[in-house]
Protein backbone atom coordinates (compact mmCIF):
# COMPACT_ATOMS: atom_id res chain seq x y z
CA UNK A 1 -57.95 -43.84 71.96
CA UNK A 2 -59.86 -42.84 68.86
CA UNK A 3 -57.93 -41.06 66.07
CA UNK A 4 -59.79 -38.05 64.81
CA UNK A 5 -59.72 -37.32 61.05
CA UNK A 6 -59.28 -33.93 59.41
CA UNK A 7 -62.17 -31.59 59.72
CA UNK A 8 -63.65 -29.99 56.59
CA UNK A 9 -62.03 -26.66 57.45
CA UNK A 10 -58.63 -28.28 57.93
CA UNK A 11 -59.00 -30.16 54.63
CA UNK A 12 -59.87 -26.94 52.79
CA UNK A 13 -56.84 -25.21 54.34
CA UNK A 14 -54.51 -28.07 53.29
CA UNK A 15 -55.97 -28.12 49.78
CA UNK A 16 -55.60 -24.34 49.57
CA UNK A 17 -51.96 -24.46 50.60
CA UNK A 18 -51.29 -27.30 48.14
CA UNK A 19 -53.03 -25.39 45.35
CA UNK A 20 -51.04 -22.26 46.15
CA UNK A 21 -47.79 -24.22 46.02
CA UNK A 22 -48.75 -25.87 42.72
CA UNK A 23 -49.67 -22.51 41.19
CA UNK A 24 -46.39 -20.99 42.40
CA UNK A 25 -44.43 -23.92 40.98
CA UNK A 26 -46.36 -23.71 37.68
CA UNK A 27 -45.77 -19.99 37.23
CA UNK A 28 -42.15 -20.35 38.24
CA UNK A 29 -41.72 -23.13 35.70
CA UNK A 30 -43.48 -21.27 32.88
CA UNK A 31 -41.47 -18.13 33.58
CA UNK A 32 -38.25 -20.14 33.59
CA UNK A 33 -39.32 -21.93 30.41
CA UNK A 34 -40.13 -18.64 28.68
CA UNK A 35 -36.71 -17.32 29.67
CA UNK A 36 -35.17 -20.51 28.30
CA UNK A 37 -37.02 -20.09 24.99
CA UNK A 38 -35.99 -16.44 24.80
CA UNK A 39 -32.40 -17.33 25.60
CA UNK A 40 -32.44 -20.20 23.09
CA UNK A 41 -33.79 -17.88 20.40
CA UNK A 42 -31.14 -15.29 21.16
CA UNK A 43 -28.42 -17.97 21.14
CA UNK A 44 -29.65 -19.32 17.80
CA UNK A 45 -29.59 -15.84 16.25
CA UNK A 46 -26.16 -15.17 17.75
CA UNK A 47 -24.68 -18.36 16.28
CA UNK A 48 -26.28 -17.65 12.90
CA UNK A 49 -24.93 -14.10 13.06
CA UNK A 50 -21.38 -15.26 13.86
CA UNK A 51 -21.36 -17.70 10.93
CA UNK A 52 -22.92 -15.13 8.63
CA UNK A 53 -20.43 -12.44 9.64
CA UNK A 54 -17.51 -14.76 8.84
CA UNK A 55 -18.86 -15.60 5.36
CA UNK A 56 -19.58 -11.92 4.64
CA UNK A 57 -16.08 -10.94 5.77
CA UNK A 58 -14.49 -13.64 3.60
CA UNK A 59 -16.52 -12.54 0.57
CA UNK A 60 -15.47 -8.90 0.92
CA UNK A 61 -11.83 -9.76 1.67
CA UNK A 62 -11.60 -11.83 -1.53
CA UNK A 63 -13.26 -9.27 -3.79
CA UNK A 64 -11.11 -9.11 -6.91
CA UNK A 65 -9.46 -12.50 -6.33
CA UNK A 66 -8.75 -14.11 -9.71
CA UNK A 67 -10.02 -11.01 -11.54
CA UNK A 68 -7.84 -9.30 -14.14
CA UNK A 69 -7.17 -5.64 -13.45
CA UNK A 70 -8.21 -5.09 -17.08
CA UNK A 71 -11.69 -6.52 -16.44
CA UNK A 72 -14.26 -3.74 -17.12
CA UNK A 73 -16.64 -4.91 -14.38
CA UNK A 74 -15.10 -3.86 -11.09
CA UNK A 75 -14.80 -6.28 -8.13
CA UNK A 76 -16.82 -4.03 -5.79
CA UNK A 77 -19.94 -2.12 -6.73
CA UNK A 78 -22.27 -0.04 -4.55
CA UNK A 79 -25.84 0.16 -5.86
CA UNK A 80 -29.37 0.61 -4.50
CA UNK A 81 -32.51 -1.41 -5.12
CA UNK A 82 -35.89 -0.02 -6.17
CA UNK A 83 -36.64 0.86 -2.52
CA UNK A 84 -33.39 2.75 -2.07
CA UNK A 85 -31.82 0.05 0.12
CA UNK A 86 -28.12 -0.70 -0.39
CA UNK A 87 -26.90 -3.57 -2.56
CA UNK A 88 -23.29 -4.62 -2.09
CA UNK A 89 -21.91 -6.43 -5.15
CA UNK A 90 -18.69 -8.45 -5.02
CA UNK A 91 -16.94 -10.13 -7.96
CA UNK A 92 -14.32 -12.85 -7.53
CA UNK A 93 -13.38 -16.34 -8.68
CA UNK A 94 -13.36 -17.42 -5.03
CA UNK A 95 -16.63 -18.16 -3.23
CA UNK A 96 -16.14 -19.27 0.37
CA UNK A 97 -19.20 -21.55 0.24
CA UNK A 98 -18.05 -23.31 -2.96
CA UNK A 99 -15.19 -25.76 -2.45
CA UNK A 100 -14.41 -25.96 -6.18
CA UNK A 101 -13.19 -22.34 -6.18
CA UNK A 102 -10.47 -22.70 -3.57
CA UNK A 103 -6.77 -22.60 -4.35
CA UNK A 104 -4.59 -21.76 -7.34
CA UNK A 105 -1.90 -23.20 -9.59
CA UNK A 106 1.10 -21.85 -11.49
CA UNK A 107 1.47 -23.44 -14.92
CA UNK A 108 4.55 -23.57 -17.11
CA UNK A 109 3.89 -23.47 -20.84
CA UNK A 110 6.99 -24.68 -22.77
CA UNK A 111 5.59 -23.43 -26.09
CA UNK A 112 2.39 -22.56 -27.89
CA UNK A 113 0.27 -25.64 -28.58
CA UNK A 114 1.94 -27.72 -25.85
CA UNK A 115 0.26 -28.93 -22.67
CA UNK A 116 0.91 -27.05 -19.45
CA UNK A 117 3.16 -28.34 -16.67
CA UNK A 118 2.08 -27.43 -13.10
CA UNK A 119 5.08 -26.19 -11.12
CA UNK A 120 3.33 -24.84 -8.03
CA UNK A 121 -0.12 -25.24 -6.57
CA UNK A 122 -2.13 -24.87 -3.38
CA UNK A 123 -3.28 -28.48 -3.40
CA UNK A 124 -3.49 -31.58 -5.59
CA UNK A 125 -5.74 -32.58 -7.05
CA UNK A 126 -7.05 -29.09 -7.73
CA UNK A 127 -10.65 -28.62 -6.52
CA UNK A 128 -11.89 -28.13 -10.10
CA UNK A 129 -10.74 -29.10 -13.58
CA UNK A 130 -11.78 -25.67 -14.85
CA UNK A 131 -10.02 -22.37 -14.31
CA UNK A 132 -9.43 -18.81 -15.44
CA UNK A 133 -5.86 -18.59 -16.78
CA UNK A 134 -3.88 -15.34 -16.92
CA UNK A 135 -0.25 -14.27 -17.13
CA UNK A 136 1.64 -12.52 -14.34
CA UNK A 137 0.72 -9.12 -15.82
CA UNK A 138 -2.96 -10.04 -15.33
CA UNK A 139 -3.69 -10.43 -19.03
CA UNK A 140 -6.36 -13.13 -19.43
CA UNK A 141 -4.99 -15.98 -21.54
CA UNK A 142 -8.18 -18.02 -21.27
CA UNK A 143 -11.44 -16.75 -19.73
CA UNK A 144 -12.49 -20.33 -18.95
CA UNK A 145 -10.47 -23.47 -19.68
CA UNK A 146 -10.31 -27.19 -18.91
CA UNK A 147 -6.92 -27.57 -17.22
CA UNK A 148 -7.39 -31.11 -15.82
CA UNK A 149 -7.26 -32.34 -12.22
CA UNK A 150 -3.58 -31.51 -11.84
CA UNK A 151 -3.38 -28.57 -14.24
CA UNK A 152 -1.57 -30.57 -16.92
CA UNK A 153 -4.29 -30.47 -19.64
CA UNK A 154 -4.22 -26.76 -20.47
CA UNK A 155 -3.33 -26.20 -24.12
CA UNK A 156 -0.89 -23.30 -24.09
CA UNK A 157 -1.38 -20.35 -26.40
CA UNK A 158 2.27 -19.34 -26.02
CA UNK A 159 5.30 -20.03 -23.86
CA UNK A 160 5.58 -18.59 -20.36
CA UNK A 161 4.23 -18.91 -16.85
CA UNK A 162 0.54 -18.56 -16.02
CA UNK A 163 -1.75 -18.38 -12.99
CA UNK A 164 -4.81 -20.65 -12.90
CA UNK A 165 -7.75 -19.77 -10.63
CA UNK A 166 -10.22 -22.68 -10.21
CA UNK A 167 -13.90 -22.13 -11.03
CA UNK A 168 -16.82 -24.60 -11.17
CA UNK A 169 -17.98 -26.12 -14.44
CA UNK A 170 -20.03 -23.48 -16.27
CA UNK A 171 -22.26 -24.27 -19.25
CA UNK A 172 -23.58 -21.25 -21.13
CA UNK A 173 -26.95 -21.64 -22.81
CA UNK A 174 -29.06 -19.37 -24.98
CA UNK A 175 -29.16 -15.76 -23.75
CA UNK A 176 -26.50 -16.50 -21.10
CA UNK A 177 -23.09 -14.87 -20.65
CA UNK A 178 -20.38 -14.84 -18.00
CA UNK A 179 -20.91 -12.43 -15.12
CA UNK A 180 -17.61 -10.71 -15.93
CA UNK A 181 -17.04 -9.29 -19.41
CA UNK A 182 -13.64 -10.84 -20.18
CA UNK A 183 -13.55 -13.97 -18.01
CA UNK A 184 -15.50 -16.37 -15.82
CA UNK A 185 -16.16 -15.05 -12.31
CA UNK A 186 -18.80 -15.08 -9.59
CA UNK A 187 -20.99 -12.15 -8.63
CA UNK A 188 -22.10 -12.11 -4.98
CA UNK A 189 -24.91 -9.71 -4.12
CA UNK A 190 -25.94 -8.81 -0.57
CA UNK A 191 -29.24 -6.97 -0.11
CA UNK A 192 -32.33 -6.70 2.09
CA UNK A 193 -35.69 -8.19 1.20
CA UNK A 194 -38.89 -9.16 2.97
CA UNK A 195 -40.25 -12.73 3.11
CA UNK A 196 -42.47 -14.16 5.84
CA UNK A 197 -41.81 -17.64 4.40
CA UNK A 198 -38.11 -17.56 5.31
CA UNK A 199 -38.42 -15.11 8.20
CA UNK A 200 -41.38 -16.49 10.24
CA UNK A 201 -40.07 -15.22 13.58
CA UNK A 202 -39.73 -11.66 12.25
CA UNK A 203 -42.40 -11.27 9.57
CA UNK A 204 -42.32 -7.50 9.86
CA UNK A 205 -38.55 -7.27 9.29
CA UNK A 206 -35.96 -7.84 6.59
CA UNK A 207 -33.87 -10.80 5.59
CA UNK A 208 -30.31 -10.15 4.44
CA UNK A 209 -30.06 -12.18 1.25
CA UNK A 210 -26.95 -13.54 -0.48
CA UNK A 211 -27.08 -14.39 -4.18
CA UNK A 212 -24.16 -16.06 -5.98
CA UNK A 213 -24.30 -15.95 -9.78
CA UNK A 214 -21.79 -17.30 -12.31
CA UNK A 215 -23.90 -16.38 -15.32
CA UNK A 216 -26.12 -13.57 -16.55
CA UNK A 217 -29.35 -14.56 -18.27
CA UNK A 218 -30.78 -11.84 -20.46
CA UNK A 219 -28.38 -9.49 -18.70
CA UNK A 220 -29.56 -10.36 -15.16
CA UNK A 221 -27.83 -12.47 -12.47
CA UNK A 222 -29.05 -16.06 -12.74
CA UNK A 223 -28.30 -17.14 -9.16
CA UNK A 224 -31.01 -17.83 -6.58
CA UNK A 225 -31.09 -15.59 -3.54
CA UNK A 226 -30.50 -17.46 -0.29
CA UNK A 227 -31.69 -16.14 3.10
CA UNK A 228 -28.46 -15.26 4.80
CA UNK A 229 -29.43 -13.52 8.05
CA UNK A 230 -32.96 -13.20 9.41
CA UNK A 231 -34.49 -10.59 11.73
CA UNK A 232 -32.46 -7.73 10.23
CA UNK A 233 -33.78 -4.22 10.87
CA UNK A 234 -31.09 -2.32 8.94
CA UNK A 235 -28.06 -2.89 6.69
CA UNK A 236 -25.68 -0.07 5.80
CA UNK A 237 -22.27 0.32 4.19
CA UNK A 238 -19.58 2.99 4.55
CA UNK A 239 -16.16 3.16 2.93
CA UNK A 240 -12.82 4.87 3.48
CA UNK A 241 -12.38 6.60 0.14
CA UNK A 242 -9.42 8.69 -0.96
CA UNK A 243 -8.36 9.46 2.65
CA UNK A 244 -11.96 10.22 3.69
CA UNK A 245 -13.41 8.01 6.40
CA UNK A 246 -16.99 6.73 6.62
CA UNK A 247 -18.19 7.88 3.22
CA UNK A 248 -21.70 6.75 2.29
CA UNK A 249 -21.25 5.39 -1.27
CA UNK A 250 -25.03 5.43 -1.82
CA UNK A 251 -25.47 9.13 -1.00
CA UNK A 252 -26.10 10.97 -4.28
CA UNK A 253 -25.33 14.33 -2.60
CA UNK A 254 -21.79 13.26 -1.67
CA UNK A 255 -19.14 15.06 -3.79
CA UNK A 256 -17.43 11.72 -4.52
CA UNK A 257 -20.61 9.83 -5.42
CA UNK A 258 -20.07 9.97 -9.19
CA UNK A 259 -16.39 9.04 -8.86
CA UNK A 260 -17.28 6.03 -6.70
CA UNK A 261 -20.02 4.85 -9.06
CA UNK A 262 -17.80 5.13 -12.16
CA UNK A 263 -14.60 3.89 -10.51
CA UNK A 264 -12.39 1.46 -12.42
CA UNK A 265 -10.40 -1.38 -10.86
CA UNK A 266 -7.35 0.91 -10.88
CA UNK A 267 -9.35 3.67 -9.15
CA UNK A 268 -10.40 1.23 -6.43
CA UNK A 269 -6.81 0.14 -5.90
CA UNK A 270 -5.72 3.75 -5.50
CA UNK A 271 -8.58 5.18 -3.43
CA UNK A 272 -10.42 2.45 -1.55
CA UNK A 273 -8.93 1.73 1.88
CA UNK A 274 -11.59 -0.05 3.94
CA UNK A 275 -15.22 -1.19 3.85
CA UNK A 276 -17.40 -0.87 6.95
CA UNK A 277 -20.59 -2.92 7.14
CA UNK A 278 -23.30 -2.33 9.76
CA UNK A 279 -26.15 -4.66 10.69
CA UNK A 280 -28.92 -4.22 13.25
CA UNK A 281 -30.25 -7.66 14.22
CA UNK A 282 -33.11 -8.64 16.52
CA UNK A 283 -32.25 -11.42 18.96
CA UNK A 284 -34.97 -13.76 20.19
CA UNK A 285 -38.69 -13.18 20.65
CA UNK A 286 -40.65 -10.51 22.44
CA UNK A 287 -39.77 -10.11 26.12
CA UNK A 288 -42.41 -8.05 28.00
CA UNK A 289 -40.08 -7.78 31.01
CA UNK A 290 -37.34 -6.12 28.96
CA UNK A 291 -37.27 -2.57 27.58
CA UNK A 292 -34.63 -1.59 25.05
CA UNK A 293 -33.30 1.88 25.82
CA UNK A 294 -29.95 1.74 24.02
CA UNK A 295 -28.72 3.85 21.12
CA UNK A 296 -28.38 2.64 17.55
CA UNK A 297 -26.23 5.59 16.53
CA UNK A 298 -22.56 4.77 15.93
CA UNK A 299 -19.98 7.48 16.44
CA UNK A 300 -17.66 8.72 15.00
CA UNK A 301 -18.96 6.83 11.94
CA UNK A 302 -22.01 9.12 11.73
CA UNK A 303 -24.22 6.07 11.13
CA UNK A 304 -27.76 5.78 12.48
CA UNK A 305 -29.25 2.28 12.29
CA UNK A 306 -33.03 2.38 12.08
CA UNK A 307 -35.22 0.44 14.49
CA UNK A 308 -38.71 -0.75 13.50
CA UNK A 309 -41.72 0.84 15.20
CA UNK A 310 -42.28 -2.15 17.51
CA UNK A 311 -38.83 -2.36 19.05
CA UNK A 312 -39.13 -1.73 22.82
CA UNK A 313 -39.51 -5.26 24.16
CA UNK A 314 -36.83 -6.92 22.04
CA UNK A 315 -33.10 -7.43 22.38
CA UNK A 316 -31.02 -5.81 19.61
CA UNK A 317 -27.51 -6.54 18.42
CA UNK A 318 -25.38 -4.08 16.45
CA UNK A 319 -22.73 -5.64 14.22
CA UNK A 320 -19.93 -3.62 12.67
CA UNK A 321 -17.44 -5.26 10.32
CA UNK A 322 -14.41 -3.29 9.11
CA UNK A 323 -12.85 -5.22 6.23
CA UNK A 324 -9.89 -4.70 3.92
CA UNK A 325 -10.55 -6.17 0.47
CA UNK A 326 -6.99 -7.52 0.26
CA UNK A 327 -7.05 -8.16 -3.50
CA UNK A 328 -8.25 -4.64 -4.27
CA UNK A 329 -6.53 -2.12 -2.01
CA UNK A 330 -2.98 -1.04 -2.69
CA UNK A 331 -0.74 -0.69 0.34
């Protein structure tokens, strides 16, 4: 018996079915791959956001750490840039991203001119041989001193007990001064800026920058801004001030605006209760199958986070951090 081969019509039908299956598999794969890329992008932003939130929280919590209450430059300052966007300024001897600033030591000075004797400390050796030294009444005994690895090299000005707050080695050159007026300290500035070079996935949006400066050069912070969080649509700050909740410290029409801007360290201790920080972050790339229809208004905070014009086919994350600056507020 002869075996008959496939006719031309049958071959075309088989090829058509095979082509249909291949196309279906291809489109299924590409759709799945696009979802994977979108999900990966969102996951990457989420992880970056979590890490960034923790650093930001640590910075705000430690505002005023190692700063004398008699220091004229306050540990928290609320300013605006040339575009009217908020700038949050924090001053402290502790910077979470700088290991040499961690810890403390208590030094015993037997007499003036003698070397110090460490009697208590967070760790040995101390993370830095340099420190700000002050007495227990927060009078600065030395704005910046070499105290040695174990705190035993400090040359005492008088007898008594002193606190030493580690800082990195700082060399002042021409036209440079310490960030603080009466001692060494760090100034940490958070603010929005635009840069397609560091924000390629969101060229039309802001980057939240973080700048750490230990010196002022010609009166300006000498630190280099680092991209901290990308794809940021909005960044806002509110404070609990003098038993008022959710006060906008950048609002010139607020009755407490002048008091907040001119506040001393003592004023902050008396009146500042909490800092609330709000971020609106875009997660992942454009998703034509998704339409954002959520609200970016936060109640009862009376805060409206602003979306960019092209927002519909993107996923958005609202971050709210409520932080007590533990070295500033007075319980």
